[in-house]
Amino acid sequence: MSINIYKQLEKIVLPSLINFKEDLTKYDKETISNNKGTKFLYAFRPNGTNILMLDKKRFINSSKEGVEKALRDSFDILISGKAPFKDMQEFFTKFISVVRKNKLP
């Protein structure tokens, strides 16, 4: 199943990548393969990718600040420069809205 997910991701992302294609073809592929069945957040842009595995073990004992730091470290591109979100609060609000709308755990 993880290979199918990777292939779908590759089909969408690879044509958009200009630089750092190995982010997808090597590192993200390995991460997805090594974490079968684990849901993840994914972002990409012409110059790379970001993946954050949503492993319960990683977040079960985390404080709100710990979760914010994990998201910020993985998705800093979303809240910097010409990013679509002005701060983490806006990101969380929109993220939670999407999760609830799609009934994701």
C-alpha atoms as a PDB file:
ATOM      1  CA  MET A   1       0.000   0.000   0.000  1.00  0.00           C
ATOM      2  CA  SER A   2       2.789   2.490   0.813  1.00  0.00           C
ATOM      3  CA  ILE A   3       4.235   1.998  -2.685  1.00  0.00           C
ATOM      4  CA  ASN A   4       0.832   2.915  -4.170  1.00  0.00           C
ATOM      5  CA  ILE A   5       0.702   6.060  -2.044  1.00  0.00           C
ATOM      6  CA  TYR A   6       4.233   6.991  -3.066  1.00  0.00           C
ATOM      7  CA  LYS A   7       3.441   6.429  -6.768  1.00  0.00           C
ATOM      8  CA  GLN A   8       0.391   8.712  -6.493  1.00  0.00           C
ATOM      9  CA  LEU A   9       2.483  11.353  -4.760  1.00  0.00           C
ATOM     10  CA  GLU A  10       5.267  11.041  -7.328  1.00  0.00           C
ATOM     11  CA  LYS A  11       2.792  11.522 -10.182  1.00  0.00           C
ATOM     12  CA  ILE A  12       1.547  14.777  -8.650  1.00  0.00           C
ATOM     13  CA  VAL A  13       4.754  16.211  -7.195  1.00  0.00           C
ATOM     14  CA  LEU A  14       7.629  15.225  -9.504  1.00  0.00           C
ATOM     15  CA  PRO A  15       6.500  17.350 -12.491  1.00  0.00           C
ATOM     16  CA  SER A  16       6.440  20.422 -10.209  1.00  0.00           C
ATOM     17  CA  LEU A  17       9.907  19.947  -8.697  1.00  0.00           C
ATOM     18  CA  ILE A  18      12.701  21.975 -10.255  1.00  0.00           C
ATOM     19  CA  ASN A  19      15.372  21.344  -7.618  1.00  0.00           C
ATOM     20  CA  PHE A  20      15.866  18.793  -4.849  1.00  0.00           C
ATOM     21  CA  LYS A  21      14.046  16.008  -6.681  1.00  0.00           C
ATOM     22  CA  GLU A  22      15.804  13.534  -4.377  1.00  0.00           C
ATOM     23  CA  ASP A  23      13.675  14.932  -1.544  1.00  0.00           C
ATOM     24  CA  LEU A  24      10.828  13.040  -3.184  1.00  0.00           C
ATOM     25  CA  THR A  25      12.479  10.194  -5.065  1.00  0.00           C
ATOM     26  CA  LYS A  26      14.806   9.082  -2.269  1.00  0.00           C
ATOM     27  CA  TYR A  27      14.030  10.532   1.153  1.00  0.00           C
ATOM     28  CA  ASP A  28      10.239  10.778   1.016  1.00  0.00           C
ATOM     29  CA  LYS A  29       9.999   7.370  -0.659  1.00  0.00           C
ATOM     30  CA  GLU A  30      12.130   5.820   2.119  1.00  0.00           C
ATOM     31  CA  THR A  31      10.146   7.593   4.841  1.00  0.00           C
ATOM     32  CA  ILE A  32       6.811   6.414   3.441  1.00  0.00           C
ATOM     33  CA  SER A  33       8.108   2.860   2.931  1.00  0.00           C
ATOM     34  CA  ASN A  34       9.545   2.711   6.464  1.00  0.00           C
ATOM     35  CA  ASN A  35       6.314   3.973   8.051  1.00  0.00           C
ATOM     36  CA  LYS A  36       3.674   1.801   6.384  1.00  0.00           C
ATOM     37  CA  GLY A  37       0.164   2.702   7.442  1.00  0.00           C
ATOM     38  CA  THR A  38       1.185   5.959   9.138  1.00  0.00           C
ATOM     39  CA  LYS A  39      -0.700   9.027   7.958  1.00  0.00           C
ATOM     40  CA  PHE A  40       1.360  12.079   7.092  1.00  0.00           C
ATOM     41  CA  LEU A  41       1.193  15.734   6.140  1.00  0.00           C
ATOM     42  CA  TYR A  42       2.898  16.682   2.914  1.00  0.00           C
ATOM     43  CA  ALA A  43       3.819  19.934   1.212  1.00  0.00           C
ATOM     44  CA  PHE A  44       5.848  20.655  -1.891  1.00  0.00           C
ATOM     45  CA  ARG A  45       7.099  23.589  -3.892  1.00  0.00           C
ATOM     46  CA  PRO A  46       9.441  23.908  -6.897  1.00  0.00           C
ATOM     47  CA  ASN A  47      12.484  23.695  -4.614  1.00  0.00           C
ATOM     48  CA  GLY A  48      11.710  20.748  -2.360  1.00  0.00           C
ATOM     49  CA  THR A  49       9.273  18.844  -0.205  1.00  0.00           C
ATOM     50  CA  ASN A  50       8.226  18.580   3.431  1.00  0.00           C
ATOM     51  CA  ILE A  51       6.827  15.460   5.067  1.00  0.00           C
ATOM     52  CA  LEU A  52       5.651  15.049   8.655  1.00  0.00           C
ATOM     53  CA  MET A  53       4.669  11.585   9.801  1.00  0.00           C
ATOM     54  CA  LEU A  54       1.642  11.662  12.097  1.00  0.00           C
ATOM     55  CA  ASP A  55       2.825   8.847  14.320  1.00  0.00           C
ATOM     56  CA  LYS A  56       0.787   8.698  17.544  1.00  0.00           C
ATOM     57  CA  LYS A  57       3.877   7.636  19.504  1.00  0.00           C
ATOM     58  CA  ARG A  58       5.561  10.872  18.484  1.00  0.00           C
ATOM     59  CA  PHE A  59       2.754  13.135  19.673  1.00  0.00           C
ATOM     60  CA  ILE A  60       0.947  11.189  22.421  1.00  0.00           C
ATOM     61  CA  ASN A  61       2.804  12.939  25.252  1.00  0.00           C
ATOM     62  CA  SER A  62       3.499  16.195  23.439  1.00  0.00           C
ATOM     63  CA  SER A  63       2.330  19.524  24.699  1.00  0.00           C
ATOM     64  CA  LYS A  64       0.636  21.979  22.375  1.00  0.00           C
ATOM     65  CA  GLU A  65       3.999  23.730  22.094  1.00  0.00           C
ATOM     66  CA  GLY A  66       5.687  20.442  21.150  1.00  0.00           C
ATOM     67  CA  VAL A  67       3.178  19.816  18.370  1.00  0.00           C
ATOM     68  CA  GLU A  68       3.524  23.419  17.164  1.00  0.00           C
ATOM     69  CA  LYS A  69       7.313  23.035  17.090  1.00  0.00           C
ATOM     70  CA  ALA A  70       7.082  19.805  15.060  1.00  0.00           C
ATOM     71  CA  LEU A  71       4.775  21.492  12.555  1.00  0.00           C
ATOM     72  CA  ARG A  72       6.890  24.649  12.449  1.00  0.00           C
ATOM     73  CA  ASP A  73      10.094  22.660  11.937  1.00  0.00           C
ATOM     74  CA  SER A  74       8.530  20.602   9.160  1.00  0.00           C
ATOM     75  CA  PHE A  75       6.445  23.292   7.481  1.00  0.00           C
ATOM     76  CA  ASP A  76       8.316  26.524   8.119  1.00  0.00           C
ATOM     77  CA  ILE A  77       7.896  27.358   4.431  1.00  0.00           C
ATOM     78  CA  LEU A  78       4.149  27.769   5.030  1.00  0.00           C
ATOM     79  CA  ILE A  79       4.605  30.607   7.492  1.00  0.00           C
ATOM     80  CA  SER A  80       7.558  32.522   6.114  1.00  0.00           C
ATOM     81  CA  GLY A  81       8.078  35.075   3.376  1.00  0.00           C
ATOM     82  CA  LYS A  82       5.385  34.901   0.725  1.00  0.00           C
ATOM     83  CA  ALA A  83       3.727  31.945   2.413  1.00  0.00           C
ATOM     84  CA  PRO A  84      -0.044  31.468   2.349  1.00  0.00           C
ATOM     85  CA  PHE A  85      -0.271  31.672   6.173  1.00  0.00           C
ATOM     86  CA  LYS A  86       0.781  34.654   8.270  1.00  0.00           C
ATOM     87  CA  ASP A  87       1.325  32.672  11.479  1.00  0.00           C
ATOM     88  CA  MET A  88       0.917  29.284  13.140  1.00  0.00           C
ATOM     89  CA  GLN A  89      -2.517  30.165  14.528  1.00  0.00           C
ATOM     90  CA  GLU A  90      -3.863  30.742  11.027  1.00  0.00           C
ATOM     91  CA  PHE A  91      -2.207  27.524   9.856  1.00  0.00           C
ATOM     92  CA  PHE A  92      -3.714  25.499  12.734  1.00  0.00           C
ATOM     93  CA  THR A  93      -7.162  27.007  12.193  1.00  0.00           C
ATOM     94  CA  LYS A  94      -7.172  26.093   8.500  1.00  0.00           C
ATOM     95  CA  PHE A  95      -5.549  22.704   9.123  1.00  0.00           C
ATOM     96  CA  ILE A  96      -8.141  21.727  11.748  1.00  0.00           C
ATOM     97  CA  SER A  97     -10.915  22.917   9.451  1.00  0.00           C
ATOM     98  CA  VAL A  98      -9.662  20.650   6.651  1.00  0.00           C
ATOM     99  CA  VAL A  99      -9.241  17.701   9.025  1.00  0.00           C
ATOM    100  CA  ARG A 100     -12.781  18.064  10.349  1.00  0.00           C
ATOM    101  CA  LYS A 101     -14.253  18.548   6.894  1.00  0.00           C
ATOM    102  CA  ASN A 102     -12.567  15.377   5.635  1.00  0.00           C
ATOM    103  CA  LYS A 103     -13.200  13.491   8.885  1.00  0.00           C
ATOM    104  CA  LEU A 104      -9.537  12.592   9.274  1.00  0.00           C
ATOM    105  CA  PRO A 105      -8.380  11.281  12.660  1.00  0.00           C
END
